[in-house]
Amino acid sequence: MYSIIVVPADRTSPDGQLRMAPGDRLHFGRAAPHPERGQVRHLDIPHPGVSRSAGEIGATGSHWTLSNFSPTATYVVENPEGAGEHIKIAPGRIAAPVPFEFSRVVLPAGGDLIDFAVWAPRHDYVESVPGSAGGEPTVLAFPLDRSKRYFLVLVALCEPRLRGTPHAPLPTVDAVTDRLRPVWPAANRAAVQWNIDYLAVKLRLKPGPESAAAGPRLNGKKESLVSLALRFDLVREDDLTALAASR
């Protein structure tokens, strides 16, 4: 049973996809691997800036690994659905596990960036935790109520990066106010700013007003909020539907 699918950049049809079962290996680079390495499948990347033997993908049941054979180049594996989420594979690293269900492998090649996609559709999730019944419920790390206006503000702040531009500048408070007004007609600059300040306290980026120590001034408050929200999936692409009425 196949667990990993490699999709070269120039092959969009299913016929061009490379399917791998657990235990399979796929070499990639400018030339096929030496026969002494045994029977290893090969993905040809005919670019003069890519090493002849650039790396290797290994398939497992629910994830895959990436080996970087380059002595100098760092490879990047991006999560196209992760609003900028990525991991770096250092030169010479062998069998680094990649946890993303959808991945884009980016190779620096001379003045270009070469990429191909890897899908891992067999991600499994636990349905119930053995022995977890009874007792006090676990305290949530980030208790957010999706029906509250502060959550709308957080979604609006995250929107540019959730829509596939991981390094997009964050919207200003005025832009967030304009964005939310169709679904929150009474929105104004002061109310949006109040919700941003509230989120910073609620997510423990700054002490609350009841704290005796005010703490240092929090610079880059919006950036910190968005970074935390995206890093821990507090806001996902599905949450953008809350803004749909304002499109």
Protein backbone atom coordinates (compact mmCIF):
# COMPACT_ATOMS: atom_id res chain seq x y z
CA MET A 1 0.00 0.00 0.00
CA TYR A 2 1.39 3.36 -0.99
CA SER A 3 1.96 5.88 1.81
CA ILE A 4 3.96 8.66 0.13
CA ILE A 5 3.37 10.39 -3.21
CA VAL A 6 6.06 12.55 -4.83
CA VAL A 7 4.82 15.09 -7.37
CA PRO A 8 7.55 16.60 -9.58
CA ALA A 9 6.99 20.25 -10.43
CA ASP A 10 6.52 19.58 -14.14
CA ARG A 11 4.15 16.63 -13.75
CA THR A 12 0.60 17.44 -12.70
CA SER A 13 -1.19 14.31 -13.94
CA PRO A 14 -1.41 11.15 -11.81
CA ASP A 15 0.75 9.35 -14.40
CA GLY A 16 3.69 11.58 -13.50
CA GLN A 17 3.44 11.03 -9.76
CA LEU A 18 5.82 8.68 -7.96
CA ARG A 19 4.12 6.46 -5.37
CA MET A 20 6.14 4.93 -2.55
CA ALA A 21 5.30 2.15 -0.10
CA PRO A 22 6.78 1.93 3.42
CA GLY A 23 10.45 1.03 3.12
CA ASP A 24 10.85 2.46 -0.39
CA ARG A 25 13.58 4.99 -1.15
CA LEU A 26 13.67 7.62 -3.89
CA HIS A 27 16.96 9.19 -4.89
CA PHE A 28 16.86 12.65 -6.47
CA GLY A 29 19.44 14.73 -8.26
CA ARG A 30 21.04 15.45 -11.62
CA ALA A 31 22.10 11.84 -12.23
CA ALA A 32 20.87 8.39 -11.27
CA PRO A 33 22.59 6.77 -8.26
CA HIS A 34 25.56 4.48 -8.78
CA PRO A 35 24.53 0.84 -9.26
CA GLU A 36 26.55 -0.09 -6.17
CA ARG A 37 23.78 1.53 -4.07
CA GLY A 38 21.37 -1.15 -5.20
CA GLN A 39 17.92 -0.76 -6.64
CA VAL A 40 16.87 2.76 -5.73
CA ARG A 41 14.30 4.68 -7.75
CA HIS A 42 15.37 8.05 -9.09
CA LEU A 43 13.77 11.46 -9.60
CA ASP A 44 15.75 13.29 -12.25
CA ILE A 45 16.24 17.04 -11.67
CA PRO A 46 18.22 18.18 -14.73
CA HIS A 47 19.40 21.56 -13.45
CA PRO A 48 23.13 22.44 -13.49
CA GLY A 49 22.80 23.93 -10.01
CA VAL A 50 21.53 20.68 -8.46
CA SER A 51 24.03 18.05 -7.29
CA ARG A 52 24.22 14.80 -9.23
CA SER A 53 23.29 13.05 -6.00
CA ALA A 54 21.28 15.69 -4.16
CA GLY A 55 19.33 13.63 -1.67
CA GLU A 56 16.98 10.82 -0.89
CA ILE A 57 13.41 10.40 0.31
CA GLY A 58 12.46 7.47 2.51
CA ALA A 59 8.85 6.34 2.96
CA THR A 60 7.40 5.09 6.23
CA GLY A 61 3.84 4.28 7.21
CA SER A 62 2.70 7.74 8.25
CA HIS A 63 5.56 10.12 7.51
CA TRP A 64 8.66 10.37 5.35
CA THR A 65 12.31 11.23 5.74
CA LEU A 66 14.64 13.45 3.78
CA SER A 67 18.40 13.04 3.43
CA ASN A 68 20.45 15.99 2.22
CA PHE A 69 23.56 14.78 0.37
CA SER A 70 24.76 18.30 -0.43
CA PRO A 71 27.90 19.35 1.51
CA THR A 72 26.95 23.03 1.39
CA ALA A 73 23.27 23.66 0.64
CA THR A 74 20.47 23.68 3.20
CA TYR A 75 17.18 22.31 1.92
CA VAL A 76 13.86 23.71 3.08
CA VAL A 77 10.64 21.74 3.48
CA GLU A 78 7.63 24.03 3.52
CA ASN A 79 4.09 23.26 4.65
CA PRO A 80 1.98 25.02 1.97
CA GLU A 81 -0.97 25.03 4.37
CA GLY A 82 1.03 26.17 7.38
CA ALA A 83 1.19 29.95 6.89
CA GLY A 84 4.97 29.95 6.65
CA GLU A 85 5.63 26.78 8.63
CA HIS A 86 8.80 25.06 7.46
CA ILE A 87 11.77 22.99 8.57
CA LYS A 88 15.39 23.19 7.41
CA ILE A 89 17.48 20.15 6.50
CA ALA A 90 21.15 20.92 7.12
CA PRO A 91 23.88 19.80 4.68
CA GLY A 92 24.74 16.15 5.24
CA ARG A 93 21.71 15.42 7.42
CA ILE A 94 20.47 11.85 6.99
CA ALA A 95 16.85 10.68 7.28
CA ALA A 96 15.38 13.80 8.88
CA PRO A 97 11.68 13.07 9.66
CA VAL A 98 9.17 15.35 7.95
CA PRO A 99 5.83 15.64 9.78
CA PHE A 100 3.75 17.58 7.23
CA GLU A 101 0.89 15.96 5.32
CA PHE A 102 1.58 18.29 2.38
CA SER A 103 5.13 19.44 1.74
CA ARG A 104 7.09 21.45 -0.78
CA VAL A 105 10.80 20.56 -0.93
CA VAL A 106 12.85 23.59 -2.01
CA LEU A 107 16.42 23.17 -3.29
CA PRO A 108 18.71 26.14 -3.92
CA ALA A 109 20.14 25.69 -7.42
CA GLY A 110 22.52 28.37 -8.62
CA GLY A 111 20.36 31.48 -8.90
CA ASP A 112 17.13 29.47 -8.91
CA LEU A 113 14.98 27.65 -6.42
CA ILE A 114 13.85 24.20 -7.55
CA ASP A 115 10.93 22.53 -5.84
CA PHE A 116 8.78 19.43 -5.89
CA ALA A 117 5.87 18.29 -3.72
CA VAL A 118 5.53 15.34 -1.36
CA TRP A 119 2.19 14.15 -0.01
CA ALA A 120 1.78 11.92 3.04
CA PRO A 121 -1.95 11.09 2.99
CA ARG A 122 -1.80 8.41 5.68
CA HIS A 123 -1.62 10.73 8.64
CA ASP A 124 -3.52 9.06 11.46
CA TYR A 125 -5.11 10.70 14.48
CA VAL A 126 -6.13 9.17 17.79
CA GLU A 127 -9.88 8.87 18.37
CA SER A 128 -9.71 8.33 22.13
CA VAL A 129 -6.86 8.25 24.60
CA PRO A 130 -6.64 4.96 26.54
CA GLY A 131 -7.12 5.41 30.28
CA SER A 132 -8.14 9.06 29.99
CA ALA A 133 -11.73 8.67 31.25
CA GLY A 134 -12.67 10.29 34.56
CA GLY A 135 -10.89 12.85 36.69
CA GLU A 136 -10.60 16.57 36.25
CA PRO A 137 -10.53 17.86 32.66
CA THR A 138 -7.22 19.07 31.31
CA VAL A 139 -6.80 22.83 31.48
CA LEU A 140 -6.64 24.36 28.01
CA ALA A 141 -3.40 26.12 27.15
CA PHE A 142 -5.07 28.79 25.01
CA PRO A 143 -8.80 29.02 25.86
CA LEU A 144 -10.29 30.99 22.98
CA ASP A 145 -14.01 31.40 22.34
CA ARG A 146 -14.59 31.47 18.58
CA SER A 147 -17.90 33.29 19.05
CA LYS A 148 -16.26 36.36 20.60
CA ARG A 149 -15.20 39.48 18.77
CA TYR A 150 -11.61 39.17 19.94
CA PHE A 151 -11.41 35.99 17.89
CA LEU A 152 -12.68 37.84 14.82
CA VAL A 153 -9.90 40.38 15.36
CA LEU A 154 -7.34 37.59 15.64
CA VAL A 155 -8.59 35.94 12.43
CA ALA A 156 -8.43 39.27 10.58
CA LEU A 157 -4.85 39.80 11.78
CA CYS A 158 -3.85 36.31 10.59
CA GLU A 159 -5.76 36.45 7.30
CA PRO A 160 -2.95 37.62 4.94
CA ARG A 161 -0.63 34.81 6.09
CA LEU A 162 -3.36 32.18 6.11
CA ARG A 163 -4.13 33.01 2.51
CA GLY A 164 -0.75 31.75 1.40
CA THR A 165 1.55 34.74 1.84
CA PRO A 166 3.66 33.65 4.83
CA HIS A 167 5.68 36.87 5.07
CA ALA A 168 2.87 39.30 4.27
CA PRO A 169 2.87 42.49 6.36
CA LEU A 170 0.22 42.48 9.03
CA PRO A 171 -2.86 44.69 8.55
CA THR A 172 -3.01 47.94 10.46
CA VAL A 173 -5.63 48.49 13.14
CA ASP A 174 -7.53 50.70 10.68
CA ALA A 175 -7.39 47.96 8.03
CA VAL A 176 -8.68 45.37 10.52
CA THR A 177 -11.50 47.73 11.46
CA ASP A 178 -12.50 48.16 7.81
CA ARG A 179 -12.22 44.42 7.22
CA LEU A 180 -14.54 43.57 10.13
CA ARG A 181 -17.14 46.29 9.73
CA PRO A 182 -19.48 44.24 7.44
CA VAL A 183 -19.73 41.52 10.13
CA TRP A 184 -19.29 43.89 13.07
CA PRO A 185 -20.96 47.18 12.06
CA ALA A 186 -20.06 48.97 15.31
CA ALA A 187 -16.35 48.21 14.89
CA ASN A 188 -14.05 51.17 15.32
CA ARG A 189 -10.37 51.73 15.83
CA ALA A 190 -10.57 51.93 19.63
CA ALA A 191 -12.63 48.73 19.91
CA VAL A 192 -10.25 46.78 17.67
CA GLN A 193 -7.22 48.06 19.59
CA TRP A 194 -8.92 47.11 22.89
CA ASN A 195 -9.41 43.55 21.60
CA ILE A 196 -5.77 43.33 20.52
CA ASP A 197 -4.69 44.43 24.00
CA TYR A 198 -7.10 41.93 25.54
CA LEU A 199 -5.74 39.09 23.38
CA ALA A 200 -2.19 39.93 24.46
CA VAL A 201 -3.24 39.49 28.09
CA LYS A 202 -5.45 36.44 27.46
CA LEU A 203 -2.68 34.63 25.60
CA ARG A 204 -0.21 35.66 28.32
CA LEU A 205 2.00 37.74 26.09
CA LYS A 206 1.80 40.51 28.70
CA PRO A 207 0.65 40.67 32.36
CA GLY A 208 -2.97 41.49 33.11
CA PRO A 209 -4.04 44.80 34.67
CA GLU A 210 -4.46 43.07 38.06
CA SER A 211 -0.77 42.19 38.10
CA ALA A 212 1.31 44.26 40.48
CA ALA A 213 4.15 44.32 37.98
CA ALA A 214 3.18 45.87 34.68
CA GLY A 215 6.15 44.18 32.98
CA PRO A 216 8.14 45.56 30.08
CA ARG A 217 6.38 47.26 27.20
CA LEU A 218 5.35 44.70 24.57
CA ASN A 219 6.66 45.83 21.23
CA GLY A 220 5.39 44.15 18.09
CA LYS A 221 2.18 43.08 19.83
CA LYS A 222 0.35 42.17 16.62
CA GLU A 223 3.33 40.23 15.29
CA SER A 224 3.59 38.30 18.56
CA LEU A 225 -0.12 37.48 18.52
CA VAL A 226 -0.11 36.27 14.93
CA SER A 227 3.09 34.28 15.41
CA LEU A 228 1.66 32.51 18.47
CA ALA A 229 -1.73 31.90 16.83
CA LEU A 230 -0.25 30.37 13.68
CA ARG A 231 2.44 28.40 15.48
CA PHE A 232 -0.11 26.60 17.66
CA ASP A 233 -2.95 26.50 15.10
CA LEU A 234 -5.16 28.71 17.25
CA VAL A 235 -6.45 30.10 13.96
CA ARG A 236 -6.77 27.91 10.87
CA GLU A 237 -7.81 28.40 7.28
CA ASP A 238 -11.30 27.14 8.16
CA ASP A 239 -11.72 30.09 10.52
CA LEU A 240 -11.53 32.49 7.57
CA THR A 241 -15.18 31.67 6.91
CA ALA A 242 -15.97 33.96 9.85
CA LEU A 243 -14.86 36.82 7.59
CA ALA A 244 -16.70 35.52 4.53
CA ALA A 245 -19.61 37.91 4.94
CA SER A 246 -17.21 40.82 4.61
CA ARG A 247 -15.98 39.71 1.18
